[in-house]
Amino acid sequence: MIQATGIDHIVLHVSDVERAKKFYAEVLGMTVYRENDRQAFLHAGQHGLALFKKQGDTPLTPGGDLNHLALNVATGTYEALKAELEKHGVAVSGRPGEDRCIYFADPDGHRLQLMVRS
């Protein structure tokens, strides 16, 4: 029997790999560990994110079947994290019934969330 021990990486299709890589590295502090002109692989702690250049003429459907990607962050309050995102021009929203959740979108419209474990 196969026993999965974690997620190696998640793939997001993006329209501009360089722009997406900059967002995930500079705004969210991920580390690029491999890249070429069509893809970039980043580490977020022990987990990975792969950004692949969208192929063909089909428009991107932000999120698609992926509702959102929740990222753990080491520290931070709601106010500090929201202010940091807004400093980079990122609009922050909550979710129905919980305004203080930190939801936002990457440059291609993929829905992201920040989680601080206490």
N, C-alpha and C. Protein backbone atom coordinates (compact mmCIF):
# COMPACT_ATOMS: atom_id res chain seq x y z
N MET A 1 0.83 -1.18 0.00
CA MET A 1 0.00 0.00 0.00
C MET A 1 0.88 1.25 0.00
N ILE A 2 0.51 2.24 -0.78
CA ILE A 2 1.22 3.52 -0.81
C ILE A 2 0.74 4.37 0.34
N GLN A 3 1.66 5.01 1.06
CA GLN A 3 1.31 5.90 2.15
C GLN A 3 1.88 7.28 1.86
N ALA A 4 1.01 8.18 1.41
CA ALA A 4 1.46 9.55 1.15
C ALA A 4 1.86 10.20 2.47
N THR A 5 2.95 10.95 2.45
CA THR A 5 3.44 11.59 3.68
C THR A 5 3.33 13.10 3.64
N GLY A 6 2.84 13.65 2.56
CA GLY A 6 2.71 15.10 2.45
C GLY A 6 2.55 15.48 1.00
N ILE A 7 2.46 16.76 0.78
CA ILE A 7 2.31 17.28 -0.58
C ILE A 7 3.66 17.82 -1.02
N ASP A 8 4.16 17.33 -2.14
CA ASP A 8 5.43 17.82 -2.66
C ASP A 8 5.25 19.20 -3.28
N HIS A 9 4.27 19.34 -4.17
CA HIS A 9 4.01 20.66 -4.76
C HIS A 9 2.61 20.71 -5.36
N ILE A 10 2.13 21.89 -5.52
CA ILE A 10 0.86 22.18 -6.19
C ILE A 10 1.22 22.98 -7.42
N VAL A 11 0.54 22.73 -8.53
CA VAL A 11 0.80 23.45 -9.78
C VAL A 11 -0.31 24.47 -10.02
N LEU A 12 0.09 25.69 -10.31
CA LEU A 12 -0.83 26.72 -10.76
C LEU A 12 -0.42 27.14 -12.16
N HIS A 13 -1.37 27.20 -13.08
CA HIS A 13 -1.09 27.71 -14.43
C HIS A 13 -1.21 29.23 -14.38
N VAL A 14 -0.23 29.90 -14.94
CA VAL A 14 -0.18 31.36 -14.89
C VAL A 14 0.08 31.92 -16.29
N SER A 15 -0.31 33.16 -16.49
CA SER A 15 -0.10 33.78 -17.80
C SER A 15 1.32 34.31 -17.96
N ASP A 16 1.98 34.67 -16.86
CA ASP A 16 3.31 35.26 -16.90
C ASP A 16 4.12 34.67 -15.74
N VAL A 17 5.00 33.73 -16.03
CA VAL A 17 5.76 33.02 -15.00
C VAL A 17 6.61 34.00 -14.19
N GLU A 18 7.28 34.93 -14.85
CA GLU A 18 8.15 35.87 -14.14
C GLU A 18 7.35 36.73 -13.16
N ARG A 19 6.20 37.24 -13.59
CA ARG A 19 5.35 38.06 -12.71
C ARG A 19 4.85 37.24 -11.53
N ALA A 20 4.40 36.02 -11.79
CA ALA A 20 3.90 35.17 -10.71
C ALA A 20 5.02 34.80 -9.74
N LYS A 21 6.19 34.47 -10.28
CA LYS A 21 7.34 34.12 -9.44
C LYS A 21 7.70 35.29 -8.52
N LYS A 22 7.71 36.49 -9.06
CA LYS A 22 8.02 37.68 -8.27
C LYS A 22 7.00 37.86 -7.14
N PHE A 23 5.72 37.67 -7.45
CA PHE A 23 4.66 37.79 -6.43
C PHE A 23 4.89 36.79 -5.30
N TYR A 24 5.06 35.52 -5.65
CA TYR A 24 5.20 34.49 -4.61
C TYR A 24 6.52 34.62 -3.84
N ALA A 25 7.56 35.08 -4.48
CA ALA A 25 8.84 35.25 -3.79
C ALA A 25 8.88 36.54 -2.97
N GLU A 26 8.51 37.66 -3.58
CA GLU A 26 8.66 38.95 -2.90
C GLU A 26 7.53 39.27 -1.93
N VAL A 27 6.30 38.92 -2.27
CA VAL A 27 5.18 39.24 -1.39
C VAL A 27 4.99 38.16 -0.33
N LEU A 28 5.16 36.87 -0.71
CA LEU A 28 4.88 35.78 0.23
C LEU A 28 6.12 35.08 0.75
N GLY A 29 7.31 35.52 0.35
CA GLY A 29 8.55 35.01 0.93
C GLY A 29 8.93 33.59 0.56
N MET A 30 8.42 33.07 -0.55
CA MET A 30 8.82 31.73 -1.00
C MET A 30 10.18 31.80 -1.67
N THR A 31 10.85 30.64 -1.75
CA THR A 31 12.19 30.57 -2.31
C THR A 31 12.17 29.77 -3.61
N VAL A 32 12.70 30.37 -4.67
CA VAL A 32 12.79 29.69 -5.96
C VAL A 32 13.92 28.68 -5.89
N TYR A 33 13.65 27.42 -6.28
CA TYR A 33 14.71 26.42 -6.28
C TYR A 33 14.99 25.84 -7.67
N ARG A 34 14.10 26.10 -8.62
CA ARG A 34 14.36 25.66 -10.00
C ARG A 34 13.45 26.46 -10.92
N GLU A 35 13.99 26.85 -12.08
CA GLU A 35 13.15 27.59 -13.02
C GLU A 35 13.73 27.54 -14.42
N ASN A 36 12.85 27.80 -15.38
CA ASN A 36 13.24 28.04 -16.75
C ASN A 36 12.23 29.03 -17.32
N ASP A 37 12.21 29.24 -18.61
CA ASP A 37 11.33 30.27 -19.16
C ASP A 37 9.85 29.87 -19.13
N ARG A 38 9.52 28.61 -18.87
CA ARG A 38 8.13 28.15 -18.88
C ARG A 38 7.61 27.71 -17.52
N GLN A 39 8.49 27.65 -16.51
CA GLN A 39 8.04 27.19 -15.21
C GLN A 39 8.99 27.63 -14.11
N ALA A 40 8.45 27.72 -12.90
CA ALA A 40 9.26 28.04 -11.73
C ALA A 40 8.76 27.19 -10.57
N PHE A 41 9.69 26.65 -9.81
CA PHE A 41 9.36 25.85 -8.64
C PHE A 41 9.84 26.61 -7.41
N LEU A 42 8.96 26.73 -6.42
CA LEU A 42 9.27 27.48 -5.21
C LEU A 42 9.01 26.63 -3.98
N HIS A 43 9.76 26.88 -2.93
CA HIS A 43 9.52 26.24 -1.64
C HIS A 43 8.84 27.22 -0.70
N ALA A 44 7.88 26.70 0.03
CA ALA A 44 7.25 27.40 1.14
C ALA A 44 7.42 26.46 2.33
N GLY A 45 8.52 26.63 3.07
CA GLY A 45 8.84 25.66 4.12
C GLY A 45 9.14 24.32 3.48
N GLN A 46 8.44 23.29 3.92
CA GLN A 46 8.63 21.94 3.40
C GLN A 46 7.78 21.64 2.17
N HIS A 47 6.98 22.60 1.74
CA HIS A 47 6.04 22.37 0.65
C HIS A 47 6.45 23.15 -0.59
N GLY A 48 5.96 22.70 -1.72
CA GLY A 48 6.35 23.33 -2.98
C GLY A 48 5.17 23.83 -3.78
N LEU A 49 5.46 24.84 -4.57
CA LEU A 49 4.51 25.42 -5.50
C LEU A 49 5.19 25.49 -6.85
N ALA A 50 4.53 25.00 -7.88
CA ALA A 50 5.06 25.07 -9.24
C ALA A 50 4.18 26.00 -10.06
N LEU A 51 4.80 26.94 -10.74
CA LEU A 51 4.10 27.89 -11.59
C LEU A 51 4.41 27.51 -13.03
N PHE A 52 3.40 27.11 -13.78
CA PHE A 52 3.59 26.67 -15.16
C PHE A 52 2.95 27.68 -16.09
N LYS A 53 3.64 28.03 -17.16
CA LYS A 53 3.12 28.92 -18.18
C LYS A 53 1.90 28.26 -18.83
N LYS A 54 0.79 28.97 -18.87
CA LYS A 54 -0.43 28.48 -19.50
C LYS A 54 -0.16 28.24 -20.98
N GLN A 55 -0.66 27.14 -21.49
CA GLN A 55 -0.47 26.78 -22.88
C GLN A 55 -1.76 26.99 -23.67
N GLY A 56 -1.65 27.28 -24.93
CA GLY A 56 -2.79 27.36 -25.82
C GLY A 56 -3.57 28.66 -25.69
N ASP A 57 -4.71 28.70 -26.38
CA ASP A 57 -5.52 29.91 -26.44
C ASP A 57 -6.64 29.94 -25.42
N THR A 58 -6.83 28.86 -24.68
CA THR A 58 -7.90 28.82 -23.70
C THR A 58 -7.58 29.81 -22.58
N PRO A 59 -8.53 30.68 -22.26
CA PRO A 59 -8.27 31.66 -21.20
C PRO A 59 -8.09 30.98 -19.85
N LEU A 60 -7.30 31.60 -18.99
CA LEU A 60 -7.16 31.11 -17.62
C LEU A 60 -8.50 31.22 -16.92
N THR A 61 -8.82 30.23 -16.13
CA THR A 61 -10.00 30.30 -15.28
C THR A 61 -9.50 30.32 -13.84
N PRO A 62 -9.26 31.51 -13.30
CA PRO A 62 -8.68 31.61 -11.96
C PRO A 62 -9.41 30.73 -10.97
N GLY A 63 -8.62 29.97 -10.25
CA GLY A 63 -9.20 29.08 -9.26
C GLY A 63 -9.68 27.78 -9.89
N GLY A 64 -10.45 27.87 -10.96
CA GLY A 64 -11.00 26.67 -11.58
C GLY A 64 -11.61 25.77 -10.53
N ASP A 65 -11.17 24.53 -10.48
CA ASP A 65 -11.65 23.61 -9.46
C ASP A 65 -10.93 23.80 -8.14
N LEU A 66 -9.87 24.57 -8.12
CA LEU A 66 -9.15 24.85 -6.88
C LEU A 66 -9.86 26.01 -6.19
N ASN A 67 -10.48 25.75 -5.04
CA ASN A 67 -11.19 26.81 -4.34
C ASN A 67 -10.22 27.84 -3.82
N HIS A 68 -9.18 27.39 -3.11
CA HIS A 68 -8.12 28.31 -2.68
C HIS A 68 -6.95 27.50 -2.16
N LEU A 69 -5.82 28.16 -2.07
CA LEU A 69 -4.60 27.60 -1.52
C LEU A 69 -4.33 28.33 -0.22
N ALA A 70 -4.34 27.61 0.90
CA ALA A 70 -4.09 28.21 2.21
C ALA A 70 -2.61 28.02 2.56
N LEU A 71 -1.96 29.12 2.92
CA LEU A 71 -0.54 29.11 3.24
C LEU A 71 -0.35 29.39 4.72
N ASN A 72 0.43 28.55 5.40
CA ASN A 72 0.80 28.83 6.78
C ASN A 72 1.83 29.93 6.79
N VAL A 73 1.73 30.84 7.75
CA VAL A 73 2.77 31.84 7.96
C VAL A 73 3.25 31.71 9.40
N ALA A 74 4.53 32.01 9.62
CA ALA A 74 5.14 31.79 10.92
C ALA A 74 4.55 32.68 12.00
N THR A 75 4.39 33.96 11.69
CA THR A 75 3.89 34.90 12.68
C THR A 75 3.10 35.98 11.99
N GLY A 76 2.42 36.77 12.78
CA GLY A 76 1.72 37.92 12.25
C GLY A 76 0.30 38.01 12.76
N THR A 77 -0.14 39.22 12.90
CA THR A 77 -1.52 39.47 13.29
C THR A 77 -2.31 39.73 12.02
N TYR A 78 -3.60 39.69 12.13
CA TYR A 78 -4.46 40.01 11.00
C TYR A 78 -4.08 41.38 10.44
N GLU A 79 -3.96 42.38 11.32
CA GLU A 79 -3.68 43.75 10.89
C GLU A 79 -2.34 43.84 10.17
N ALA A 80 -1.30 43.21 10.73
CA ALA A 80 0.04 43.29 10.13
C ALA A 80 0.09 42.58 8.78
N LEU A 81 -0.51 41.41 8.69
CA LEU A 81 -0.50 40.66 7.43
C LEU A 81 -1.30 41.40 6.36
N LYS A 82 -2.46 41.91 6.74
CA LYS A 82 -3.30 42.66 5.80
C LYS A 82 -2.54 43.90 5.30
N ALA A 83 -1.89 44.62 6.21
CA ALA A 83 -1.14 45.82 5.83
C ALA A 83 0.00 45.47 4.89
N GLU A 84 0.70 44.37 5.13
CA GLU A 84 1.81 43.97 4.27
C GLU A 84 1.32 43.65 2.86
N LEU A 85 0.22 42.94 2.74
CA LEU A 85 -0.34 42.64 1.42
C LEU A 85 -0.78 43.92 0.72
N GLU A 86 -1.47 44.78 1.44
CA GLU A 86 -1.96 46.03 0.85
C GLU A 86 -0.82 46.94 0.42
N LYS A 87 0.31 46.86 1.11
CA LYS A 87 1.50 47.64 0.72
C LYS A 87 1.96 47.26 -0.69
N HIS A 88 1.68 46.01 -1.06
CA HIS A 88 2.04 45.52 -2.40
C HIS A 88 0.88 45.66 -3.38
N GLY A 89 -0.16 46.40 -2.99
CA GLY A 89 -1.29 46.62 -3.88
C GLY A 89 -2.26 45.46 -3.96
N VAL A 90 -2.20 44.56 -2.99
CA VAL A 90 -3.05 43.37 -2.98
C VAL A 90 -4.31 43.66 -2.16
N ALA A 91 -5.48 43.44 -2.76
CA ALA A 91 -6.76 43.64 -2.06
C ALA A 91 -7.04 42.41 -1.20
N VAL A 92 -7.41 42.64 0.07
CA VAL A 92 -7.69 41.58 1.02
C VAL A 92 -9.19 41.53 1.29
N SER A 93 -9.73 40.32 1.37
CA SER A 93 -11.14 40.16 1.73
C SER A 93 -11.25 39.06 2.78
N GLY A 94 -12.40 39.00 3.40
CA GLY A 94 -12.69 37.92 4.34
C GLY A 94 -13.53 36.88 3.64
N ARG A 95 -14.28 36.14 4.42
CA ARG A 95 -15.26 35.21 3.86
C ARG A 95 -16.58 35.46 4.57
N PRO A 96 -17.67 35.06 3.99
CA PRO A 96 -18.97 35.33 4.62
C PRO A 96 -19.01 34.86 6.07
N GLY A 97 -19.37 35.78 6.95
CA GLY A 97 -19.45 35.47 8.37
C GLY A 97 -18.14 35.55 9.12
N GLU A 98 -17.05 35.76 8.43
CA GLU A 98 -15.74 35.84 9.08
C GLU A 98 -14.88 36.86 8.35
N ASP A 99 -15.13 38.12 8.62
CA ASP A 99 -14.47 39.22 7.91
C ASP A 99 -12.97 39.24 8.10
N ARG A 100 -12.46 38.70 9.22
CA ARG A 100 -11.05 38.82 9.52
C ARG A 100 -10.20 37.67 8.97
N CYS A 101 -10.75 36.86 8.11
CA CYS A 101 -9.94 35.88 7.38
C CYS A 101 -9.18 36.65 6.31
N ILE A 102 -7.98 36.21 6.00
CA ILE A 102 -7.18 36.90 5.00
C ILE A 102 -7.20 36.12 3.69
N TYR A 103 -8.10 36.53 2.82
CA TYR A 103 -8.18 35.99 1.47
C TYR A 103 -7.73 37.06 0.49
N PHE A 104 -7.05 36.63 -0.55
CA PHE A 104 -6.58 37.57 -1.57
C PHE A 104 -6.29 36.77 -2.83
N ALA A 105 -5.96 37.45 -3.91
CA ALA A 105 -5.68 36.77 -5.18
C ALA A 105 -4.27 37.07 -5.64
N ASP A 106 -3.67 36.10 -6.32
CA ASP A 106 -2.38 36.34 -6.94
C ASP A 106 -2.62 37.09 -8.25
N PRO A 107 -1.58 37.46 -8.98
CA PRO A 107 -1.77 38.25 -10.21
C PRO A 107 -2.63 37.57 -11.28
N ASP A 108 -2.77 36.24 -11.23
CA ASP A 108 -3.60 35.54 -12.20
C ASP A 108 -4.99 35.23 -11.66
N GLY A 109 -5.31 35.73 -10.48
CA GLY A 109 -6.64 35.55 -9.92
C GLY A 109 -6.84 34.31 -9.08
N HIS A 110 -5.79 33.53 -8.82
CA HIS A 110 -5.91 32.36 -7.95
C HIS A 110 -6.17 32.83 -6.52
N ARG A 111 -7.15 32.23 -5.87
CA ARG A 111 -7.54 32.63 -4.52
C ARG A 111 -6.60 32.01 -3.49
N LEU A 112 -6.03 32.84 -2.63
CA LEU A 112 -5.09 32.42 -1.60
C LEU A 112 -5.60 32.83 -0.23
N GLN A 113 -5.10 32.14 0.81
CA GLN A 113 -5.44 32.49 2.18
C GLN A 113 -4.18 32.36 3.02
N LEU A 114 -4.03 33.25 4.01
CA LEU A 114 -2.93 33.14 4.97
C LEU A 114 -3.47 32.61 6.28
N MET A 115 -2.74 31.67 6.88
CA MET A 115 -3.12 31.04 8.15
C MET A 115 -1.99 31.23 9.15
N VAL A 116 -2.32 31.71 10.34
CA VAL A 116 -1.35 31.78 11.43
C VAL A 116 -1.81 30.77 12.49
N ARG A 117 -1.03 29.76 12.71
CA ARG A 117 -1.37 28.76 13.74
C ARG A 117 -0.91 29.27 15.09
N SER A 118 -1.83 29.25 16.06
CA SER A 118 -1.42 29.72 17.40
C SER A 118 -1.21 28.58 18.35
